[in-house]
Amino acid sequence: MSMNELDQAILMRCLEGQPRGWEDFVDRFLGLVMHVIDHTVEVREIPNNSQQRDSLCEDVFAIFAHDSFRLLREFDGQCSLTTYMTIVTRRIVVRLLLNRQANGTATTGRVAA
């Protein structure tokens, strides 16, 4: 499945550093990222609160922005951008939760990307 035109335009604006490119990307995928966080936490039966949710969301977007948007540049178009974002976000959230659990901060605290 190819990427729709809107997602393609938003991704390119972000990767090219155009004005509001990153902000528009975040606006477009914020709901999806929050949904993936909620689902992942629920499936793993981890108590969730708004502080943890916001922290995880902030960390997910920080990881996507890290290293000049490396993860976004690696998107190869073999699936929709929404599918890619879902899969990568779930992997990031699981890793963050495991790191927080290992550090004794399963419900609070930040983990560097």
PDB file of N, CA and C in Angstrom:
ATOM      1  N   MET A   1       0.843  -1.169   0.000  1.00  0.00           N
ATOM      2  CA  MET A   1       0.000   0.000   0.000  1.00  0.00           C
ATOM      3  C   MET A   1       0.890   1.234   0.000  1.00  0.00           C
ATOM      4  N   SER A   2       0.602   2.155  -0.854  1.00  0.00           N
ATOM      5  CA  SER A   2       1.421   3.358  -0.924  1.00  0.00           C
ATOM      6  C   SER A   2       0.900   4.419   0.033  1.00  0.00           C
ATOM      7  N   MET A   3       1.715   5.383   0.249  1.00  0.00           N
ATOM      8  CA  MET A   3       1.392   6.470   1.164  1.00  0.00           C
ATOM      9  C   MET A   3       0.419   7.436   0.497  1.00  0.00           C
ATOM     10  N   ASN A   4      -0.558   7.930   1.268  1.00  0.00           N
ATOM     11  CA  ASN A   4      -1.477   8.897   0.688  1.00  0.00           C
ATOM     12  C   ASN A   4      -0.765  10.241   0.508  1.00  0.00           C
ATOM     13  N   GLU A   5      -1.337  11.084  -0.321  1.00  0.00           N
ATOM     14  CA  GLU A   5      -0.682  12.348  -0.681  1.00  0.00           C
ATOM     15  C   GLU A   5      -0.481  13.274   0.513  1.00  0.00           C
ATOM     16  N   LEU A   6      -1.462  13.308   1.413  1.00  0.00           N
ATOM     17  CA  LEU A   6      -1.348  14.170   2.587  1.00  0.00           C
ATOM     18  C   LEU A   6      -0.170  13.746   3.457  1.00  0.00           C
ATOM     19  N   ASP A   7      -0.091  12.449   3.752  1.00  0.00           N
ATOM     20  CA  ASP A   7       1.015  11.958   4.570  1.00  0.00           C
ATOM     21  C   ASP A   7       2.356  12.185   3.884  1.00  0.00           C
ATOM     22  N   GLN A   8       2.399  11.981   2.602  1.00  0.00           N
ATOM     23  CA  GLN A   8       3.639  12.185   1.863  1.00  0.00           C
ATOM     24  C   GLN A   8       4.077  13.646   1.952  1.00  0.00           C
ATOM     25  N   ALA A   9       3.134  14.564   1.774  1.00  0.00           N
ATOM     26  CA  ALA A   9       3.458  15.987   1.843  1.00  0.00           C
ATOM     27  C   ALA A   9       3.921  16.379   3.245  1.00  0.00           C
ATOM     28  N   ILE A  10       3.237  15.885   4.267  1.00  0.00           N
ATOM     29  CA  ILE A  10       3.614  16.210   5.646  1.00  0.00           C
ATOM     30  C   ILE A  10       4.994  15.642   5.965  1.00  0.00           C
ATOM     31  N   LEU A  11       5.252  14.404   5.572  1.00  0.00           N
ATOM     32  CA  LEU A  11       6.551  13.792   5.824  1.00  0.00           C
ATOM     33  C   LEU A  11       7.659  14.562   5.121  1.00  0.00           C
ATOM     34  N   MET A  12       7.465  14.913   3.868  1.00  0.00           N
ATOM     35  CA  MET A  12       8.499  15.629   3.121  1.00  0.00           C
ATOM     36  C   MET A  12       8.769  17.002   3.728  1.00  0.00           C
ATOM     37  N   ARG A  13       7.721  17.715   4.127  1.00  0.00           N
ATOM     38  CA  ARG A  13       7.893  19.027   4.755  1.00  0.00           C
ATOM     39  C   ARG A  13       8.702  18.900   6.040  1.00  0.00           C
ATOM     40  N   CYS A  14       8.429  17.851   6.783  1.00  0.00           N
ATOM     41  CA  CYS A  14       9.156  17.611   8.023  1.00  0.00           C
ATOM     42  C   CYS A  14      10.624  17.316   7.733  1.00  0.00           C
ATOM     43  N   LEU A  15      10.869  16.374   6.846  1.00  0.00           N
ATOM     44  CA  LEU A  15      12.240  15.962   6.545  1.00  0.00           C
ATOM     45  C   LEU A  15      13.061  17.068   5.902  1.00  0.00           C
ATOM     46  N   GLU A  16      12.404  17.946   5.168  1.00  0.00           N
ATOM     47  CA  GLU A  16      13.101  19.060   4.515  1.00  0.00           C
ATOM     48  C   GLU A  16      13.279  20.261   5.434  1.00  0.00           C
ATOM     49  N   GLY A  17      12.728  20.175   6.646  1.00  0.00           N
ATOM     50  CA  GLY A  17      12.879  21.268   7.601  1.00  0.00           C
ATOM     51  C   GLY A  17      12.079  22.506   7.256  1.00  0.00           C
ATOM     52  N   GLN A  18      11.012  22.321   6.507  1.00  0.00           N
ATOM     53  CA  GLN A  18      10.186  23.464   6.130  1.00  0.00           C
ATOM     54  C   GLN A  18       9.446  24.012   7.345  1.00  0.00           C
ATOM     55  N   PRO A  19       9.072  25.295   7.279  1.00  0.00           N
ATOM     56  CA  PRO A  19       8.341  25.891   8.406  1.00  0.00           C
ATOM     57  C   PRO A  19       7.106  25.058   8.764  1.00  0.00           C
ATOM     58  N   ARG A  20       6.945  24.805  10.041  1.00  0.00           N
ATOM     59  CA  ARG A  20       5.838  24.040  10.603  1.00  0.00           C
ATOM     60  C   ARG A  20       5.814  22.587  10.126  1.00  0.00           C
ATOM     61  N   GLY A  21       6.848  22.117   9.487  1.00  0.00           N
ATOM     62  CA  GLY A  21       6.886  20.729   9.020  1.00  0.00           C
ATOM     63  C   GLY A  21       6.785  19.737  10.170  1.00  0.00           C
ATOM     64  N   TRP A  22       7.634  19.922  11.196  1.00  0.00           N
ATOM     65  CA  TRP A  22       7.619  19.019  12.340  1.00  0.00           C
ATOM     66  C   TRP A  22       6.312  19.170  13.122  1.00  0.00           C
ATOM     67  N   GLU A  23       5.866  20.391  13.314  1.00  0.00           N
ATOM     68  CA  GLU A  23       4.630  20.625  14.059  1.00  0.00           C
ATOM     69  C   GLU A  23       3.435  19.974  13.364  1.00  0.00           C
ATOM     70  N   ASP A  24       3.375  20.093  12.040  1.00  0.00           N
ATOM     71  CA  ASP A  24       2.281  19.464  11.286  1.00  0.00           C
ATOM     72  C   ASP A  24       2.366  17.940  11.362  1.00  0.00           C
ATOM     73  N   PHE A  25       3.575  17.409  11.351  1.00  0.00           N
ATOM     74  CA  PHE A  25       3.759  15.966  11.491  1.00  0.00           C
ATOM     75  C   PHE A  25       3.230  15.507  12.849  1.00  0.00           C
ATOM     76  N   VAL A  26       3.627  16.207  13.900  1.00  0.00           N
ATOM     77  CA  VAL A  26       3.159  15.860  15.250  1.00  0.00           C
ATOM     78  C   VAL A  26       1.639  15.973  15.325  1.00  0.00           C
ATOM     79  N   ASP A  27       1.077  17.060  14.796  1.00  0.00           N
ATOM     80  CA  ASP A  27      -0.381  17.226  14.797  1.00  0.00           C
ATOM     81  C   ASP A  27      -1.068  16.067  14.082  1.00  0.00           C
ATOM     82  N   ARG A  28      -0.506  15.634  12.977  1.00  0.00           N
ATOM     83  CA  ARG A  28      -1.107  14.552  12.183  1.00  0.00           C
ATOM     84  C   ARG A  28      -1.078  13.217  12.932  1.00  0.00           C
ATOM     85  N   PHE A  29       0.000  12.925  13.643  1.00  0.00           N
ATOM     86  CA  PHE A  29       0.174  11.599  14.232  1.00  0.00           C
ATOM     87  C   PHE A  29       0.025  11.552  15.753  1.00  0.00           C
ATOM     88  N   LEU A  30      -0.287  12.656  16.391  1.00  0.00           N
ATOM     89  CA  LEU A  30      -0.436  12.681  17.840  1.00  0.00           C
ATOM     90  C   LEU A  30      -1.510  11.703  18.320  1.00  0.00           C
ATOM     91  N   GLY A  31      -2.657  11.710  17.687  1.00  0.00           N
ATOM     92  CA  GLY A  31      -3.731  10.809  18.084  1.00  0.00           C
ATOM     93  C   GLY A  31      -3.343   9.347  17.937  1.00  0.00           C
ATOM     94  N   LEU A  32      -2.666   9.026  16.842  1.00  0.00           N
ATOM     95  CA  LEU A  32      -2.217   7.653  16.611  1.00  0.00           C
ATOM     96  C   LEU A  32      -1.219   7.223  17.684  1.00  0.00           C
ATOM     97  N   VAL A  33      -0.251   8.077  17.970  1.00  0.00           N
ATOM     98  CA  VAL A  33       0.762   7.751  18.979  1.00  0.00           C
ATOM     99  C   VAL A  33       0.100   7.546  20.343  1.00  0.00           C
ATOM    100  N   MET A  34      -0.825   8.415  20.709  1.00  0.00           N
ATOM    101  CA  MET A  34      -1.521   8.267  21.994  1.00  0.00           C
ATOM    102  C   MET A  34      -2.316   6.957  22.035  1.00  0.00           C
ATOM    103  N   HIS A  35      -2.967   6.617  20.935  1.00  0.00           N
ATOM    104  CA  HIS A  35      -3.720   5.368  20.877  1.00  0.00           C
ATOM    105  C   HIS A  35      -2.796   4.158  21.050  1.00  0.00           C
ATOM    106  N   VAL A  36      -1.670   4.172  20.370  1.00  0.00           N
ATOM    107  CA  VAL A  36      -0.717   3.061  20.478  1.00  0.00           C
ATOM    108  C   VAL A  36      -0.184   2.970  21.906  1.00  0.00           C
ATOM    109  N   ILE A  37       0.104   4.098  22.525  1.00  0.00           N
ATOM    110  CA  ILE A  37       0.558   4.094  23.918  1.00  0.00           C
ATOM    111  C   ILE A  37      -0.505   3.460  24.807  1.00  0.00           C
ATOM    112  N   ASP A  38      -1.735   3.933  24.675  1.00  0.00           N
ATOM    113  CA  ASP A  38      -2.824   3.415  25.513  1.00  0.00           C
ATOM    114  C   ASP A  38      -3.006   1.911  25.315  1.00  0.00           C
ATOM    115  N   HIS A  39      -3.000   1.481  24.072  1.00  0.00           N
ATOM    116  CA  HIS A  39      -3.196   0.057  23.785  1.00  0.00           C
ATOM    117  C   HIS A  39      -2.036  -0.789  24.330  1.00  0.00           C
ATOM    118  N   THR A  40      -0.830  -0.326  24.121  1.00  0.00           N
ATOM    119  CA  THR A  40       0.347  -1.074  24.560  1.00  0.00           C
ATOM    120  C   THR A  40       0.367  -1.199  26.077  1.00  0.00           C
ATOM    121  N   VAL A  41       0.078  -0.127  26.769  1.00  0.00           N
ATOM    122  CA  VAL A  41       0.048  -0.147  28.232  1.00  0.00           C
ATOM    123  C   VAL A  41      -1.073  -1.058  28.723  1.00  0.00           C
ATOM    124  N   GLU A  42      -2.224  -0.992  28.073  1.00  0.00           N
ATOM    125  CA  GLU A  42      -3.357  -1.837  28.468  1.00  0.00           C
ATOM    126  C   GLU A  42      -3.040  -3.312  28.272  1.00  0.00           C
ATOM    127  N   VAL A  43      -2.484  -3.673  27.128  1.00  0.00           N
ATOM    128  CA  VAL A  43      -2.159  -5.069  26.837  1.00  0.00           C
ATOM    129  C   VAL A  43      -1.146  -5.605  27.837  1.00  0.00           C
ATOM    130  N   ARG A  44      -0.213  -4.764  28.252  1.00  0.00           N
ATOM    131  CA  ARG A  44       0.815  -5.187  29.207  1.00  0.00           C
ATOM    132  C   ARG A  44       0.348  -5.048  30.654  1.00  0.00           C
ATOM    133  N   GLU A  45      -0.905  -4.643  30.819  1.00  0.00           N
ATOM    134  CA  GLU A  45      -1.523  -4.511  32.143  1.00  0.00           C
ATOM    135  C   GLU A  45      -0.695  -3.645  33.081  1.00  0.00           C
ATOM    136  N   ILE A  46      -0.257  -2.506  32.560  1.00  0.00           N
ATOM    137  CA  ILE A  46       0.505  -1.546  33.341  1.00  0.00           C
ATOM    138  C   ILE A  46      -0.436  -0.399  33.701  1.00  0.00           C
ATOM    139  N   PRO A  47      -0.494  -0.035  34.969  1.00  0.00           N
ATOM    140  CA  PRO A  47      -1.332   1.112  35.341  1.00  0.00           C
ATOM    141  C   PRO A  47      -0.898   2.345  34.543  1.00  0.00           C
ATOM    142  N   ASN A  48      -1.863   3.072  34.049  1.00  0.00           N
ATOM    143  CA  ASN A  48      -1.565   4.223  33.200  1.00  0.00           C
ATOM    144  C   ASN A  48      -2.166   5.467  33.823  1.00  0.00           C
ATOM    145  N   ASN A  49      -1.441   6.547  33.742  1.00  0.00           N
ATOM    146  CA  ASN A  49      -1.975   7.834  34.173  1.00  0.00           C
ATOM    147  C   ASN A  49      -1.568   8.878  33.146  1.00  0.00           C
ATOM    148  N   SER A  50      -2.152  10.045  33.247  1.00  0.00           N
ATOM    149  CA  SER A  50      -1.903  11.063  32.228  1.00  0.00           C
ATOM    150  C   SER A  50      -0.446  11.518  32.217  1.00  0.00           C
ATOM    151  N   GLN A  51       0.200  11.521  33.378  1.00  0.00           N
ATOM    152  CA  GLN A  51       1.603  11.927  33.427  1.00  0.00           C
ATOM    153  C   GLN A  51       2.475  10.928  32.664  1.00  0.00           C
ATOM    154  N   GLN A  52       2.256   9.636  32.890  1.00  0.00           N
ATOM    155  CA  GLN A  52       3.025   8.612  32.174  1.00  0.00           C
ATOM    156  C   GLN A  52       2.728   8.669  30.684  1.00  0.00           C
ATOM    157  N   ARG A  53       1.464   8.810  30.352  1.00  0.00           N
ATOM    158  CA  ARG A  53       1.051   8.862  28.945  1.00  0.00           C
ATOM    159  C   ARG A  53       1.728  10.030  28.234  1.00  0.00           C
ATOM    160  N   ASP A  54       1.687  11.212  28.853  1.00  0.00           N
ATOM    161  CA  ASP A  54       2.314  12.387  28.252  1.00  0.00           C
ATOM    162  C   ASP A  54       3.820  12.209  28.125  1.00  0.00           C
ATOM    163  N   SER A  55       4.436  11.620  29.143  1.00  0.00           N
ATOM    164  CA  SER A  55       5.875  11.385  29.118  1.00  0.00           C
ATOM    165  C   SER A  55       6.254  10.418  28.002  1.00  0.00           C
ATOM    166  N   LEU A  56       5.495   9.337  27.875  1.00  0.00           N
ATOM    167  CA  LEU A  56       5.764   8.374  26.798  1.00  0.00           C
ATOM    168  C   LEU A  56       5.577   9.027  25.431  1.00  0.00           C
ATOM    169  N   CYS A  57       4.530   9.814  25.283  1.00  0.00           N
ATOM    170  CA  CYS A  57       4.280  10.479  24.003  1.00  0.00           C
ATOM    171  C   CYS A  57       5.418  11.437  23.656  1.00  0.00           C
ATOM    172  N   GLU A  58       5.852  12.211  24.626  1.00  0.00           N
ATOM    173  CA  GLU A  58       6.963  13.129  24.408  1.00  0.00           C
ATOM    174  C   GLU A  58       8.225  12.366  24.012  1.00  0.00           C
ATOM    175  N   ASP A  59       8.482  11.263  24.699  1.00  0.00           N
ATOM    176  CA  ASP A  59       9.664  10.451  24.387  1.00  0.00           C
ATOM    177  C   ASP A  59       9.582   9.841  22.989  1.00  0.00           C
ATOM    178  N   VAL A  60       8.401   9.371  22.605  1.00  0.00           N
ATOM    179  CA  VAL A  60       8.232   8.783  21.269  1.00  0.00           C
ATOM    180  C   VAL A  60       8.566   9.819  20.206  1.00  0.00           C
ATOM    181  N   PHE A  61       8.005  11.015  20.325  1.00  0.00           N
ATOM    182  CA  PHE A  61       8.276  12.035  19.308  1.00  0.00           C
ATOM    183  C   PHE A  61       9.728  12.499  19.355  1.00  0.00           C
ATOM    184  N   ALA A  62      10.320  12.528  20.534  1.00  0.00           N
ATOM    185  CA  ALA A  62      11.741  12.891  20.629  1.00  0.00           C
ATOM    186  C   ALA A  62      12.598  11.860  19.900  1.00  0.00           C
ATOM    187  N   ILE A  63      12.236  10.596  20.019  1.00  0.00           N
ATOM    188  CA  ILE A  63      12.983   9.540  19.325  1.00  0.00           C
ATOM    189  C   ILE A  63      12.791   9.651  17.812  1.00  0.00           C
ATOM    190  N   PHE A  64      11.591   9.973  17.376  1.00  0.00           N
ATOM    191  CA  PHE A  64      11.378  10.171  15.935  1.00  0.00           C
ATOM    192  C   PHE A  64      12.189  11.362  15.418  1.00  0.00           C
ATOM    193  N   ALA A  65      12.352  12.400  16.228  1.00  0.00           N
ATOM    194  CA  ALA A  65      13.091  13.592  15.801  1.00  0.00           C
ATOM    195  C   ALA A  65      14.607  13.416  15.926  1.00  0.00           C
ATOM    196  N   HIS A  66      15.027  12.456  16.748  1.00  0.00           N
ATOM    197  CA  HIS A  66      16.452  12.240  17.020  1.00  0.00           C
ATOM    198  C   HIS A  66      17.250  11.979  15.737  1.00  0.00           C
ATOM    199  N   ASP A  67      18.467  12.451  15.732  1.00  0.00           N
ATOM    200  CA  ASP A  67      19.405  12.184  14.640  1.00  0.00           C
ATOM    201  C   ASP A  67      18.835  12.611  13.296  1.00  0.00           C
ATOM    202  N   SER A  68      18.337  13.849  13.258  1.00  0.00           N
ATOM    203  CA  SER A  68      17.771  14.432  12.028  1.00  0.00           C
ATOM    204  C   SER A  68      16.676  13.558  11.428  1.00  0.00           C
ATOM    205  N   PHE A  69      15.792  13.072  12.294  1.00  0.00           N
ATOM    206  CA  PHE A  69      14.627  12.281  11.871  1.00  0.00           C
ATOM    207  C   PHE A  69      15.024  10.956  11.212  1.00  0.00           C
ATOM    208  N   ARG A  70      16.067  10.329  11.754  1.00  0.00           N
ATOM    209  CA  ARG A  70      16.583   9.094  11.163  1.00  0.00           C
ATOM    210  C   ARG A  70      15.490   8.045  10.943  1.00  0.00           C
ATOM    211  N   LEU A  71      14.654   7.801  11.961  1.00  0.00           N
ATOM    212  CA  LEU A  71      13.605   6.785  11.800  1.00  0.00           C
ATOM    213  C   LEU A  71      12.622   7.136  10.693  1.00  0.00           C
ATOM    214  N   LEU A  72      12.344   8.403  10.529  1.00  0.00           N
ATOM    215  CA  LEU A  72      11.433   8.809   9.459  1.00  0.00           C
ATOM    216  C   LEU A  72      12.119   8.714   8.098  1.00  0.00           C
ATOM    217  N   ARG A  73      13.394   8.992   8.055  1.00  0.00           N
ATOM    218  CA  ARG A  73      14.133   8.859   6.797  1.00  0.00           C
ATOM    219  C   ARG A  73      14.256   7.395   6.371  1.00  0.00           C
ATOM    220  N   GLU A  74      14.193   6.480   7.342  1.00  0.00           N
ATOM    221  CA  GLU A  74      14.287   5.052   7.032  1.00  0.00           C
ATOM    222  C   GLU A  74      12.984   4.486   6.474  1.00  0.00           C
ATOM    223  N   PHE A  75      11.911   5.231   6.548  1.00  0.00           N
ATOM    224  CA  PHE A  75      10.638   4.761   6.000  1.00  0.00           C
ATOM    225  C   PHE A  75      10.800   4.556   4.503  1.00  0.00           C
ATOM    226  N   ASP A  76      10.507   3.338   4.045  1.00  0.00           N
ATOM    227  CA  ASP A  76      10.763   2.995   2.638  1.00  0.00           C
ATOM    228  C   ASP A  76       9.507   2.942   1.775  1.00  0.00           C
ATOM    229  N   GLY A  77       8.356   3.212   2.336  1.00  0.00           N
ATOM    230  CA  GLY A  77       7.137   3.249   1.551  1.00  0.00           C
ATOM    231  C   GLY A  77       6.544   1.894   1.220  1.00  0.00           C
ATOM    232  N   GLN A  78       7.048   0.826   1.827  1.00  0.00           N
ATOM    233  CA  GLN A  78       6.521  -0.513   1.553  1.00  0.00           C
ATOM    234  C   GLN A  78       5.165  -0.741   2.216  1.00  0.00           C
ATOM    235  N   CYS A  79       4.790   0.150   3.124  1.00  0.00           N
ATOM    236  CA  CYS A  79       3.475   0.124   3.766  1.00  0.00           C
ATOM    237  C   CYS A  79       3.037   1.583   3.906  1.00  0.00           C
ATOM    238  N   SER A  80       1.871   1.789   4.453  1.00  0.00           N
ATOM    239  CA  SER A  80       1.436   3.168   4.664  1.00  0.00           C
ATOM    240  C   SER A  80       2.264   3.785   5.795  1.00  0.00           C
ATOM    241  N   LEU A  81       2.345   5.092   5.793  1.00  0.00           N
ATOM    242  CA  LEU A  81       3.061   5.780   6.858  1.00  0.00           C
ATOM    243  C   LEU A  81       2.376   5.530   8.197  1.00  0.00           C
ATOM    244  N   THR A  82       1.062   5.425   8.197  1.00  0.00           N
ATOM    245  CA  THR A  82       0.323   5.136   9.422  1.00  0.00           C
ATOM    246  C   THR A  82       0.722   3.775   9.991  1.00  0.00           C
ATOM    247  N   THR A  83       0.832   2.773   9.138  1.00  0.00           N
ATOM    248  CA  THR A  83       1.255   1.442   9.584  1.00  0.00           C
ATOM    249  C   THR A  83       2.671   1.497  10.131  1.00  0.00           C
ATOM    250  N   TYR A  84       3.556   2.164   9.439  1.00  0.00           N
ATOM    251  CA  TYR A  84       4.941   2.303   9.890  1.00  0.00           C
ATOM    252  C   TYR A  84       4.994   2.992  11.250  1.00  0.00           C
ATOM    253  N   MET A  85       4.264   4.089  11.392  1.00  0.00           N
ATOM    254  CA  MET A  85       4.243   4.824  12.653  1.00  0.00           C
ATOM    255  C   MET A  85       3.708   3.952  13.789  1.00  0.00           C
ATOM    256  N   THR A  86       2.685   3.152  13.501  1.00  0.00           N
ATOM    257  CA  THR A  86       2.104   2.272  14.514  1.00  0.00           C
ATOM    258  C   THR A  86       3.127   1.255  14.993  1.00  0.00           C
ATOM    259  N   ILE A  87       3.781   0.591  14.069  1.00  0.00           N
ATOM    260  CA  ILE A  87       4.740  -0.457  14.411  1.00  0.00           C
ATOM    261  C   ILE A  87       5.935   0.120  15.167  1.00  0.00           C
ATOM    262  N   VAL A  88       6.492   1.200  14.659  1.00  0.00           N
ATOM    263  CA  VAL A  88       7.674   1.782  15.292  1.00  0.00           C
ATOM    264  C   VAL A  88       7.316   2.363  16.659  1.00  0.00           C
ATOM    265  N   THR A  89       6.168   3.013  16.746  1.00  0.00           N
ATOM    266  CA  THR A  89       5.738   3.575  18.030  1.00  0.00           C
ATOM    267  C   THR A  89       5.560   2.471  19.066  1.00  0.00           C
ATOM    268  N   ARG A  90       4.928   1.369  18.683  1.00  0.00           N
ATOM    269  CA  ARG A  90       4.737   0.261  19.625  1.00  0.00           C
ATOM    270  C   ARG A  90       6.086  -0.264  20.110  1.00  0.00           C
ATOM    271  N   ARG A  91       7.041  -0.420  19.216  1.00  0.00           N
ATOM    272  CA  ARG A  91       8.367  -0.909  19.614  1.00  0.00           C
ATOM    273  C   ARG A  91       9.060   0.071  20.557  1.00  0.00           C
ATOM    274  N   ILE A  92       8.935   1.360  20.264  1.00  0.00           N
ATOM    275  CA  ILE A  92       9.537   2.379  21.128  1.00  0.00           C
ATOM    276  C   ILE A  92       8.903   2.340  22.516  1.00  0.00           C
ATOM    277  N   VAL A  93       7.580   2.274  22.565  1.00  0.00           N
ATOM    278  CA  VAL A  93       6.871   2.284  23.847  1.00  0.00           C
ATOM    279  C   VAL A  93       7.245   1.055  24.670  1.00  0.00           C
ATOM    280  N   VAL A  94       7.286  -0.098  24.048  1.00  0.00           N
ATOM    281  CA  VAL A  94       7.664  -1.316  24.777  1.00  0.00           C
ATOM    282  C   VAL A  94       9.079  -1.164  25.332  1.00  0.00           C
ATOM    283  N   ARG A  95       9.996  -0.669  24.528  1.00  0.00           N
ATOM    284  CA  ARG A  95      11.374  -0.487  24.990  1.00  0.00           C
ATOM    285  C   ARG A  95      11.434   0.519  26.142  1.00  0.00           C
ATOM    286  N   LEU A  96      10.703   1.624  26.028  1.00  0.00           N
ATOM    287  CA  LEU A  96      10.680   2.617  27.101  1.00  0.00           C
ATOM    288  C   LEU A  96      10.113   2.027  28.386  1.00  0.00           C
ATOM    289  N   LEU A  97       9.028   1.275  28.268  1.00  0.00           N
ATOM    290  CA  LEU A  97       8.424   0.664  29.451  1.00  0.00           C
ATOM    291  C   LEU A  97       9.370  -0.335  30.107  1.00  0.00           C
ATOM    292  N   LEU A  98      10.034  -1.146  29.293  1.00  0.00           N
ATOM    293  CA  LEU A  98      10.993  -2.108  29.847  1.00  0.00           C
ATOM    294  C   LEU A  98      12.161  -1.402  30.522  1.00  0.00           C
ATOM    295  N   ASN A  99      12.644  -0.323  29.904  1.00  0.00           N
ATOM    296  CA  ASN A  99      13.735   0.449  30.506  1.00  0.00           C
ATOM    297  C   ASN A  99      13.303   1.075  31.817  1.00  0.00           C
ATOM    298  N   ARG A 100      12.098   1.603  31.850  1.00  0.00           N
ATOM    299  CA  ARG A 100      11.594   2.234  33.075  1.00  0.00           C
ATOM    300  C   ARG A 100      11.398   1.196  34.164  1.00  0.00           C
ATOM    301  N   GLN A 101      10.910   0.022  33.783  1.00  0.00           N
ATOM    302  CA  GLN A 101      10.714  -1.046  34.756  1.00  0.00           C
ATOM    303  C   GLN A 101      12.066  -1.485  35.326  1.00  0.00           C
ATOM    304  N   ALA A 102      13.048  -1.627  34.457  1.00  0.00           N
ATOM    305  CA  ALA A 102      14.375  -2.040  34.895  1.00  0.00           C
ATOM    306  C   ALA A 102      15.015  -1.001  35.808  1.00  0.00           C
ATOM    307  N   ASN A 103      14.690   0.274  35.568  1.00  0.00           N
ATOM    308  CA  ASN A 103      15.244   1.362  36.371  1.00  0.00           C
ATOM    309  C   ASN A 103      14.384   1.684  37.584  1.00  0.00           C
ATOM    310  N   GLY A 104      13.312   0.922  37.773  1.00  0.00           N
ATOM    311  CA  GLY A 104      12.428   1.165  38.911  1.00  0.00           C
ATOM    312  C   GLY A 104      11.549   2.374  38.751  1.00  0.00           C
ATOM    313  N   THR A 105      11.344   2.815  37.500  1.00  0.00           N
ATOM    314  CA  THR A 105      10.502   3.983  37.221  1.00  0.00           C
ATOM    315  C   THR A 105       9.431   3.610  36.221  1.00  0.00           C
ATOM    316  N   ALA A 106       8.732   2.518  36.451  1.00  0.00           N
ATOM    317  CA  ALA A 106       7.760   1.995  35.481  1.00  0.00           C
ATOM    318  C   ALA A 106       6.626   2.957  35.199  1.00  0.00           C
ATOM    319  N   THR A 107       6.249   3.791  36.138  1.00  0.00           N
ATOM    320  CA  THR A 107       5.116   4.677  35.902  1.00  0.00           C
ATOM    321  C   THR A 107       5.501   6.131  35.811  1.00  0.00           C
ATOM    322  N   THR A 108       6.731   6.465  36.143  1.00  0.00           N
ATOM    323  CA  THR A 108       7.165   7.852  36.019  1.00  0.00           C
ATOM    324  C   THR A 108       8.608   7.890  35.565  1.00  0.00           C
ATOM    325  N   GLY A 109       9.061   9.065  35.251  1.00  0.00           N
ATOM    326  CA  GLY A 109      10.459   9.222  34.878  1.00  0.00           C
ATOM    327  C   GLY A 109      10.640   9.180  33.380  1.00  0.00           C
ATOM    328  N   ARG A 110      11.789   9.648  32.948  1.00  0.00           N
ATOM    329  CA  ARG A 110      12.089   9.736  31.534  1.00  0.00           C
ATOM    330  C   ARG A 110      13.293   8.871  31.223  1.00  0.00           C
ATOM    331  N   VAL A 111      13.291   8.342  30.020  1.00  0.00           N
ATOM    332  CA  VAL A 111      14.403   7.532  29.554  1.00  0.00           C
ATOM    333  C   VAL A 111      14.977   8.209  28.336  1.00  0.00           C
ATOM    334  N   ALA A 112      16.263   8.414  28.317  1.00  0.00           N
ATOM    335  CA  ALA A 112      16.910   9.050  27.165  1.00  0.00           C
ATOM    336  C   ALA A 112      16.796   8.147  25.955  1.00  0.00           C
ATOM    337  N   ALA A 113      16.653   8.753  24.816  1.00  0.00           N
ATOM    338  CA  ALA A 113      16.508   7.997  23.559  1.00  0.00           C
ATOM    339  C   ALA A 113      17.817   7.386  23.133  1.00  0.00           C
TER     340      ALA A 113
END
